[in-house]
Amino acid sequence: MSKKKTAETDANTTEAPNFESALGELETLVEELEDGELDLATSLAKFERGVTLARACQSALEDAEQKVKVLSDIDDSDDDG
């Protein structure tokens, strides 16, 4: 039997989500917070989760940027020979 992960399930785990799922969950959290219908405690918890997700996305983007730089440097050195 396969398990389906939901945004709520992800919020209760410490495992880092992949970039796409983190970004999707972050977008959902932003929409929920912008609605203004949540109580303070729930808003704060969702905001905290959003900060965690934003940091994970930023880290994933930095990693991808570094990989592109390394690959570009390798490609540039191949052109020199």
PDB file of N, CA and C in Angstrom:
ATOM      1  N   MET A   1       0.856  -1.189   0.000  1.00  0.00           N
ATOM      2  CA  MET A   1       0.000   0.000   0.000  1.00  0.00           C
ATOM      3  C   MET A   1       0.896   1.245   0.000  1.00  0.00           C
ATOM      4  N   SER A   2       0.651   2.206  -0.886  1.00  0.00           N
ATOM      5  CA  SER A   2       1.471   3.407  -0.935  1.00  0.00           C
ATOM      6  C   SER A   2       0.895   4.479  -0.030  1.00  0.00           C
ATOM      7  N   LYS A   3       1.799   5.268   0.505  1.00  0.00           N
ATOM      8  CA  LYS A   3       1.379   6.361   1.375  1.00  0.00           C
ATOM      9  C   LYS A   3       1.415   7.652   0.581  1.00  0.00           C
ATOM     10  N   LYS A   4       0.357   8.432   0.705  1.00  0.00           N
ATOM     11  CA  LYS A   4       0.305   9.733   0.080  1.00  0.00           C
ATOM     12  C   LYS A   4       0.694  10.773   1.106  1.00  0.00           C
ATOM     13  N   LYS A   5       1.643  11.639   0.751  1.00  0.00           N
ATOM     14  CA  LYS A   5       2.033  12.711   1.651  1.00  0.00           C
ATOM     15  C   LYS A   5       1.179  13.939   1.361  1.00  0.00           C
ATOM     16  N   THR A   6       0.743  14.574   2.394  1.00  0.00           N
ATOM     17  CA  THR A   6       0.003  15.824   2.248  1.00  0.00           C
ATOM     18  C   THR A   6       0.828  16.927   2.867  1.00  0.00           C
ATOM     19  N   ALA A   7       0.440  18.164   2.630  1.00  0.00           N
ATOM     20  CA  ALA A   7       1.145  19.289   3.233  1.00  0.00           C
ATOM     21  C   ALA A   7       1.121  19.182   4.742  1.00  0.00           C
ATOM     22  N   GLU A   8       0.005  18.706   5.291  1.00  0.00           N
ATOM     23  CA  GLU A   8      -0.110  18.558   6.732  1.00  0.00           C
ATOM     24  C   GLU A   8       0.842  17.482   7.237  1.00  0.00           C
ATOM     25  N   THR A   9       0.958  16.387   6.520  1.00  0.00           N
ATOM     26  CA  THR A   9       1.888  15.331   6.898  1.00  0.00           C
ATOM     27  C   THR A   9       3.318  15.846   6.828  1.00  0.00           C
ATOM     28  N   ASP A  10       3.658  16.556   5.770  1.00  0.00           N
ATOM     29  CA  ASP A  10       4.993  17.105   5.628  1.00  0.00           C
ATOM     30  C   ASP A  10       5.336  18.064   6.758  1.00  0.00           C
ATOM     31  N   ALA A  11       4.352  18.809   7.237  1.00  0.00           N
ATOM     32  CA  ALA A  11       4.588  19.771   8.299  1.00  0.00           C
ATOM     33  C   ALA A  11       4.990  19.079   9.594  1.00  0.00           C
ATOM     34  N   ASN A  12       4.652  17.808   9.729  1.00  0.00           N
ATOM     35  CA  ASN A  12       4.956  17.087  10.954  1.00  0.00           C
ATOM     36  C   ASN A  12       6.219  16.247  10.848  1.00  0.00           C
ATOM     37  N   THR A  13       6.969  16.382   9.752  1.00  0.00           N
ATOM     38  CA  THR A  13       8.185  15.609   9.593  1.00  0.00           C
ATOM     39  C   THR A  13       9.386  16.531   9.586  1.00  0.00           C
ATOM     40  N   THR A  14      10.544  15.967   9.890  1.00  0.00           N
ATOM     41  CA  THR A  14      11.768  16.754   9.863  1.00  0.00           C
ATOM     42  C   THR A  14      12.553  16.508   8.589  1.00  0.00           C
ATOM     43  N   GLU A  15      12.121  15.531   7.776  1.00  0.00           N
ATOM     44  CA  GLU A  15      12.793  15.222   6.528  1.00  0.00           C
ATOM     45  C   GLU A  15      12.654  16.404   5.571  1.00  0.00           C
ATOM     46  N   ALA A  16      13.755  16.757   4.929  1.00  0.00           N
ATOM     47  CA  ALA A  16      13.733  17.873   3.993  1.00  0.00           C
ATOM     48  C   ALA A  16      13.007  17.458   2.718  1.00  0.00           C
ATOM     49  N   PRO A  17      11.975  18.202   2.325  1.00  0.00           N
ATOM     50  CA  PRO A  17      11.253  17.874   1.093  1.00  0.00           C
ATOM     51  C   PRO A  17      12.065  18.287  -0.124  1.00  0.00           C
ATOM     52  N   ASN A  18      11.732  17.723  -1.292  1.00  0.00           N
ATOM     53  CA  ASN A  18      12.430  18.178  -2.486  1.00  0.00           C
ATOM     54  C   ASN A  18      11.947  19.590  -2.825  1.00  0.00           C
ATOM     55  N   PHE A  19      12.659  20.226  -3.739  1.00  0.00           N
ATOM     56  CA  PHE A  19      12.384  21.631  -4.041  1.00  0.00           C
ATOM     57  C   PHE A  19      10.940  21.867  -4.475  1.00  0.00           C
ATOM     58  N   GLU A  20      10.459  21.037  -5.393  1.00  0.00           N
ATOM     59  CA  GLU A  20       9.122  21.241  -5.941  1.00  0.00           C
ATOM     60  C   GLU A  20       8.039  21.085  -4.874  1.00  0.00           C
ATOM     61  N   SER A  21       8.154  20.074  -4.038  1.00  0.00           N
ATOM     62  CA  SER A  21       7.133  19.887  -3.008  1.00  0.00           C
ATOM     63  C   SER A  21       7.236  20.967  -1.940  1.00  0.00           C
ATOM     64  N   ALA A  22       8.461  21.392  -1.618  1.00  0.00           N
ATOM     65  CA  ALA A  22       8.640  22.471  -0.634  1.00  0.00           C
ATOM     66  C   ALA A  22       8.033  23.769  -1.154  1.00  0.00           C
ATOM     67  N   LEU A  23       8.279  24.059  -2.422  1.00  0.00           N
ATOM     68  CA  LEU A  23       7.732  25.283  -3.009  1.00  0.00           C
ATOM     69  C   LEU A  23       6.211  25.230  -3.061  1.00  0.00           C
ATOM     70  N   GLY A  24       5.663  24.084  -3.429  1.00  0.00           N
ATOM     71  CA  GLY A  24       4.209  23.933  -3.460  1.00  0.00           C
ATOM     72  C   GLY A  24       3.588  24.113  -2.089  1.00  0.00           C
ATOM     73  N   GLU A  25       4.198  23.497  -1.095  1.00  0.00           N
ATOM     74  CA  GLU A  25       3.678  23.643   0.266  1.00  0.00           C
ATOM     75  C   GLU A  25       3.811  25.087   0.737  1.00  0.00           C
ATOM     76  N   LEU A  26       4.912  25.731   0.392  1.00  0.00           N
ATOM     77  CA  LEU A  26       5.118  27.131   0.768  1.00  0.00           C
ATOM     78  C   LEU A  26       4.045  28.028   0.148  1.00  0.00           C
ATOM     79  N   GLU A  27       3.728  27.780  -1.106  1.00  0.00           N
ATOM     80  CA  GLU A  27       2.672  28.562  -1.764  1.00  0.00           C
ATOM     81  C   GLU A  27       1.332  28.372  -1.058  1.00  0.00           C
ATOM     82  N   THR A  28       1.038  27.142  -0.655  1.00  0.00           N
ATOM     83  CA  THR A  28      -0.212  26.860   0.062  1.00  0.00           C
ATOM     84  C   THR A  28      -0.237  27.592   1.401  1.00  0.00           C
ATOM     85  N   LEU A  29       0.882  27.555   2.111  1.00  0.00           N
ATOM     86  CA  LEU A  29       0.953  28.240   3.403  1.00  0.00           C
ATOM     87  C   LEU A  29       0.748  29.740   3.249  1.00  0.00           C
ATOM     88  N   VAL A  30       1.356  30.311   2.224  1.00  0.00           N
ATOM     89  CA  VAL A  30       1.203  31.754   1.988  1.00  0.00           C
ATOM     90  C   VAL A  30      -0.262  32.095   1.742  1.00  0.00           C
ATOM     91  N   GLU A  31      -0.929  31.292   0.913  1.00  0.00           N
ATOM     92  CA  GLU A  31      -2.350  31.539   0.645  1.00  0.00           C
ATOM     93  C   GLU A  31      -3.176  31.463   1.925  1.00  0.00           C
ATOM     94  N   GLU A  32      -2.904  30.451   2.752  1.00  0.00           N
ATOM     95  CA  GLU A  32      -3.649  30.297   4.007  1.00  0.00           C
ATOM     96  C   GLU A  32      -3.405  31.478   4.941  1.00  0.00           C
ATOM     97  N   LEU A  33      -2.160  31.925   5.011  1.00  0.00           N
ATOM     98  CA  LEU A  33      -1.845  33.060   5.883  1.00  0.00           C
ATOM     99  C   LEU A  33      -2.455  34.360   5.355  1.00  0.00           C
ATOM    100  N   GLU A  34      -2.465  34.522   4.041  1.00  0.00           N
ATOM    101  CA  GLU A  34      -3.038  35.731   3.446  1.00  0.00           C
ATOM    102  C   GLU A  34      -4.544  35.815   3.638  1.00  0.00           C
ATOM    103  N   ASP A  35      -5.203  34.661   3.761  1.00  0.00           N
ATOM    104  CA  ASP A  35      -6.650  34.654   3.981  1.00  0.00           C
ATOM    105  C   ASP A  35      -7.020  35.338   5.287  1.00  0.00           C
ATOM    106  N   GLY A  36      -6.152  35.262   6.273  1.00  0.00           N
ATOM    107  CA  GLY A  36      -6.399  35.921   7.548  1.00  0.00           C
ATOM    108  C   GLY A  36      -7.447  35.250   8.411  1.00  0.00           C
ATOM    109  N   GLU A  37      -7.793  34.015   8.108  1.00  0.00           N
ATOM    110  CA  GLU A  37      -8.842  33.311   8.851  1.00  0.00           C
ATOM    111  C   GLU A  37      -8.293  32.423   9.974  1.00  0.00           C
ATOM    112  N   LEU A  38      -6.982  32.309  10.086  1.00  0.00           N
ATOM    113  CA  LEU A  38      -6.378  31.418  11.074  1.00  0.00           C
ATOM    114  C   LEU A  38      -6.207  32.125  12.413  1.00  0.00           C
ATOM    115  N   ASP A  39      -6.265  31.339  13.491  1.00  0.00           N
ATOM    116  CA  ASP A  39      -5.987  31.936  14.798  1.00  0.00           C
ATOM    117  C   ASP A  39      -4.487  32.188  14.912  1.00  0.00           C
ATOM    118  N   LEU A  40      -4.092  32.928  15.930  1.00  0.00           N
ATOM    119  CA  LEU A  40      -2.708  33.346  16.081  1.00  0.00           C
ATOM    120  C   LEU A  40      -1.745  32.163  16.194  1.00  0.00           C
ATOM    121  N   ALA A  41      -2.089  31.180  17.009  1.00  0.00           N
ATOM    122  CA  ALA A  41      -1.194  30.040  17.214  1.00  0.00           C
ATOM    123  C   ALA A  41      -0.993  29.257  15.909  1.00  0.00           C
ATOM    124  N   THR A  42      -2.065  29.048  15.169  1.00  0.00           N
ATOM    125  CA  THR A  42      -1.972  28.332  13.905  1.00  0.00           C
ATOM    126  C   THR A  42      -1.180  29.143  12.892  1.00  0.00           C
ATOM    127  N   SER A  43      -1.428  30.442  12.857  1.00  0.00           N
ATOM    128  CA  SER A  43      -0.683  31.321  11.953  1.00  0.00           C
ATOM    129  C   SER A  43       0.805  31.282  12.251  1.00  0.00           C
ATOM    130  N   LEU A  44       1.142  31.327  13.521  1.00  0.00           N
ATOM    131  CA  LEU A  44       2.544  31.301  13.910  1.00  0.00           C
ATOM    132  C   LEU A  44       3.199  29.970  13.523  1.00  0.00           C
ATOM    133  N   ALA A  45       2.506  28.874  13.735  1.00  0.00           N
ATOM    134  CA  ALA A  45       3.035  27.552  13.372  1.00  0.00           C
ATOM    135  C   ALA A  45       3.230  27.457  11.860  1.00  0.00           C
ATOM    136  N   LYS A  46       2.272  27.960  11.096  1.00  0.00           N
ATOM    137  CA  LYS A  46       2.377  27.914   9.639  1.00  0.00           C
ATOM    138  C   LYS A  46       3.485  28.847   9.151  1.00  0.00           C
ATOM    139  N   PHE A  47       3.628  29.987   9.798  1.00  0.00           N
ATOM    140  CA  PHE A  47       4.711  30.902   9.444  1.00  0.00           C
ATOM    141  C   PHE A  47       6.070  30.249   9.705  1.00  0.00           C
ATOM    142  N   GLU A  48       6.189  29.588  10.852  1.00  0.00           N
ATOM    143  CA  GLU A  48       7.432  28.908  11.193  1.00  0.00           C
ATOM    144  C   GLU A  48       7.761  27.823  10.153  1.00  0.00           C
ATOM    145  N   ARG A  49       6.751  27.052   9.759  1.00  0.00           N
ATOM    146  CA  ARG A  49       6.936  26.024   8.735  1.00  0.00           C
ATOM    147  C   ARG A  49       7.337  26.678   7.415  1.00  0.00           C
ATOM    148  N   GLY A  50       6.740  27.813   7.121  1.00  0.00           N
ATOM    149  CA  GLY A  50       7.073  28.529   5.890  1.00  0.00           C
ATOM    150  C   GLY A  50       8.522  28.987   5.861  1.00  0.00           C
ATOM    151  N   VAL A  51       9.021  29.453   6.989  1.00  0.00           N
ATOM    152  CA  VAL A  51      10.419  29.872   7.071  1.00  0.00           C
ATOM    153  C   VAL A  51      11.333  28.675   6.817  1.00  0.00           C
ATOM    154  N   THR A  52      10.998  27.541   7.420  1.00  0.00           N
ATOM    155  CA  THR A  52      11.782  26.321   7.216  1.00  0.00           C
ATOM    156  C   THR A  52      11.781  25.923   5.738  1.00  0.00           C
ATOM    157  N   LEU A  53      10.617  25.962   5.120  1.00  0.00           N
ATOM    158  CA  LEU A  53      10.510  25.607   3.703  1.00  0.00           C
ATOM    159  C   LEU A  53      11.265  26.595   2.816  1.00  0.00           C
ATOM    160  N   ALA A  54      11.165  27.882   3.132  1.00  0.00           N
ATOM    161  CA  ALA A  54      11.864  28.896   2.346  1.00  0.00           C
ATOM    162  C   ALA A  54      13.375  28.678   2.420  1.00  0.00           C
ATOM    163  N   ARG A  55      13.862  28.343   3.606  1.00  0.00           N
ATOM    164  CA  ARG A  55      15.296  28.071   3.762  1.00  0.00           C
ATOM    165  C   ARG A  55      15.698  26.824   2.969  1.00  0.00           C
ATOM    166  N   ALA A  56      14.854  25.808   2.985  1.00  0.00           N
ATOM    167  CA  ALA A  56      15.144  24.584   2.230  1.00  0.00           C
ATOM    168  C   ALA A  56      15.181  24.885   0.730  1.00  0.00           C
ATOM    169  N   CYS A  57      14.249  25.701   0.260  1.00  0.00           N
ATOM    170  CA  CYS A  57      14.230  26.082  -1.154  1.00  0.00           C
ATOM    171  C   CYS A  57      15.474  26.890  -1.514  1.00  0.00           C
ATOM    172  N   GLN A  58      15.833  27.820  -0.665  1.00  0.00           N
ATOM    173  CA  GLN A  58      17.019  28.638  -0.910  1.00  0.00           C
ATOM    174  C   GLN A  58      18.272  27.763  -0.976  1.00  0.00           C
ATOM    175  N   SER A  59      18.375  26.819  -0.069  1.00  0.00           N
ATOM    176  CA  SER A  59      19.515  25.907  -0.048  1.00  0.00           C
ATOM    177  C   SER A  59      19.568  25.059  -1.321  1.00  0.00           C
ATOM    178  N   ALA A  60      18.412  24.554  -1.747  1.00  0.00           N
ATOM    179  CA  ALA A  60      18.349  23.753  -2.970  1.00  0.00           C
ATOM    180  C   ALA A  60      18.756  24.585  -4.182  1.00  0.00           C
ATOM    181  N   LEU A  61      18.332  25.837  -4.231  1.00  0.00           N
ATOM    182  CA  LEU A  61      18.706  26.714  -5.339  1.00  0.00           C
ATOM    183  C   LEU A  61      20.205  27.006  -5.332  1.00  0.00           C
ATOM    184  N   GLU A  62      20.764  27.219  -4.151  1.00  0.00           N
ATOM    185  CA  GLU A  62      22.202  27.466  -4.044  1.00  0.00           C
ATOM    186  C   GLU A  62      22.994  26.235  -4.488  1.00  0.00           C
ATOM    187  N   ASP A  63      22.527  25.048  -4.094  1.00  0.00           N
ATOM    188  CA  ASP A  63      23.183  23.807  -4.516  1.00  0.00           C
ATOM    189  C   ASP A  63      23.137  23.662  -6.035  1.00  0.00           C
ATOM    190  N   ALA A  64      21.979  23.940  -6.614  1.00  0.00           N
ATOM    191  CA  ALA A  64      21.831  23.838  -8.068  1.00  0.00           C
ATOM    192  C   ALA A  64      22.735  24.849  -8.769  1.00  0.00           C
ATOM    193  N   GLU A  65      22.793  26.053  -8.233  1.00  0.00           N
ATOM    194  CA  GLU A  65      23.645  27.089  -8.813  1.00  0.00           C
ATOM    195  C   GLU A  65      25.114  26.661  -8.768  1.00  0.00           C
ATOM    196  N   GLN A  66      25.530  26.066  -7.661  1.00  0.00           N
ATOM    197  CA  GLN A  66      26.909  25.603  -7.532  1.00  0.00           C
ATOM    198  C   GLN A  66      27.207  24.502  -8.549  1.00  0.00           C
ATOM    199  N   LYS A  67      26.269  23.572  -8.729  1.00  0.00           N
ATOM    200  CA  LYS A  67      26.461  22.496  -9.703  1.00  0.00           C
ATOM    201  C   LYS A  67      26.588  23.045 -11.119  1.00  0.00           C
ATOM    202  N   VAL A  68      25.750  24.032 -11.446  1.00  0.00           N
ATOM    203  CA  VAL A  68      25.817  24.653 -12.771  1.00  0.00           C
ATOM    204  C   VAL A  68      27.174  25.323 -12.956  1.00  0.00           C
ATOM    205  N   LYS A  69      27.643  25.997 -11.913  1.00  0.00           N
ATOM    206  CA  LYS A  69      28.943  26.670 -11.986  1.00  0.00           C
ATOM    207  C   LYS A  69      30.057  25.659 -12.211  1.00  0.00           C
ATOM    208  N   VAL A  70      30.034  24.560 -11.468  1.00  0.00           N
ATOM    209  CA  VAL A  70      31.056  23.524 -11.626  1.00  0.00           C
ATOM    210  C   VAL A  70      31.012  22.945 -13.033  1.00  0.00           C
ATOM    211  N   LEU A  71      29.810  22.638 -13.514  1.00  0.00           N
ATOM    212  CA  LEU A  71      29.682  22.080 -14.858  1.00  0.00           C
ATOM    213  C   LEU A  71      30.124  23.080 -15.922  1.00  0.00           C
ATOM    214  N   SER A  72      29.825  24.335 -15.712  1.00  0.00           N
ATOM    215  CA  SER A  72      30.248  25.370 -16.663  1.00  0.00           C
ATOM    216  C   SER A  72      31.764  25.501 -16.673  1.00  0.00           C
ATOM    217  N   ASP A  73      32.373  25.423 -15.494  1.00  0.00           N
ATOM    218  CA  ASP A  73      33.832  25.497 -15.400  1.00  0.00           C
ATOM    219  C   ASP A  73      34.480  24.313 -16.100  1.00  0.00           C
ATOM    220  N   ILE A  74      33.897  23.132 -15.950  1.00  0.00           N
ATOM    221  CA  ILE A  74      34.422  21.929 -16.621  1.00  0.00           C
ATOM    222  C   ILE A  74      34.300  22.107 -18.132  1.00  0.00           C
ATOM    223  N   ASP A  75      33.157  22.602 -18.571  1.00  0.00           N
ATOM    224  CA  ASP A  75      32.924  22.811 -19.998  1.00  0.00           C
ATOM    225  C   ASP A  75      33.917  23.845 -20.550  1.00  0.00           C
ATOM    226  N   ASP A  76      34.154  24.909 -19.803  1.00  0.00           N
ATOM    227  CA  ASP A  76      35.096  25.955 -20.224  1.00  0.00           C
ATOM    228  C   ASP A  76      36.516  25.404 -20.331  1.00  0.00           C
ATOM    229  N   SER A  77      36.903  24.538 -19.394  1.00  0.00           N
ATOM    230  CA  SER A  77      38.264  23.986 -19.433  1.00  0.00           C
ATOM    231  C   SER A  77      38.417  23.021 -20.616  1.00  0.00           C
ATOM    232  N   ASP A  78      37.338  22.334 -20.998  1.00  0.00           N
ATOM    233  CA  ASP A  78      37.377  21.445 -22.158  1.00  0.00           C
ATOM    234  C   ASP A  78      37.582  22.243 -23.448  1.00  0.00           C
ATOM    235  N   ASP A  79      37.018  23.456 -23.498  1.00  0.00           N
ATOM    236  CA  ASP A  79      37.131  24.289 -24.688  1.00  0.00           C
ATOM    237  C   ASP A  79      38.549  24.838 -24.851  1.00  0.00           C
ATOM    238  N   ASP A  80      39.284  24.968 -23.749  1.00  0.00           N
ATOM    239  CA  ASP A  80      40.629  25.533 -23.781  1.00  0.00           C
ATOM    240  C   ASP A  80      41.656  24.565 -24.362  1.00  0.00           C
ATOM    241  N   GLY A  81      41.369  23.238 -24.301  1.00  0.00           N
ATOM    242  CA  GLY A  81      42.351  22.238 -24.681  1.00  0.00           C
ATOM    243  C   GLY A  81      42.335  21.967 -26.098  1.00  0.00           C
TER     244      GLY A  81
END
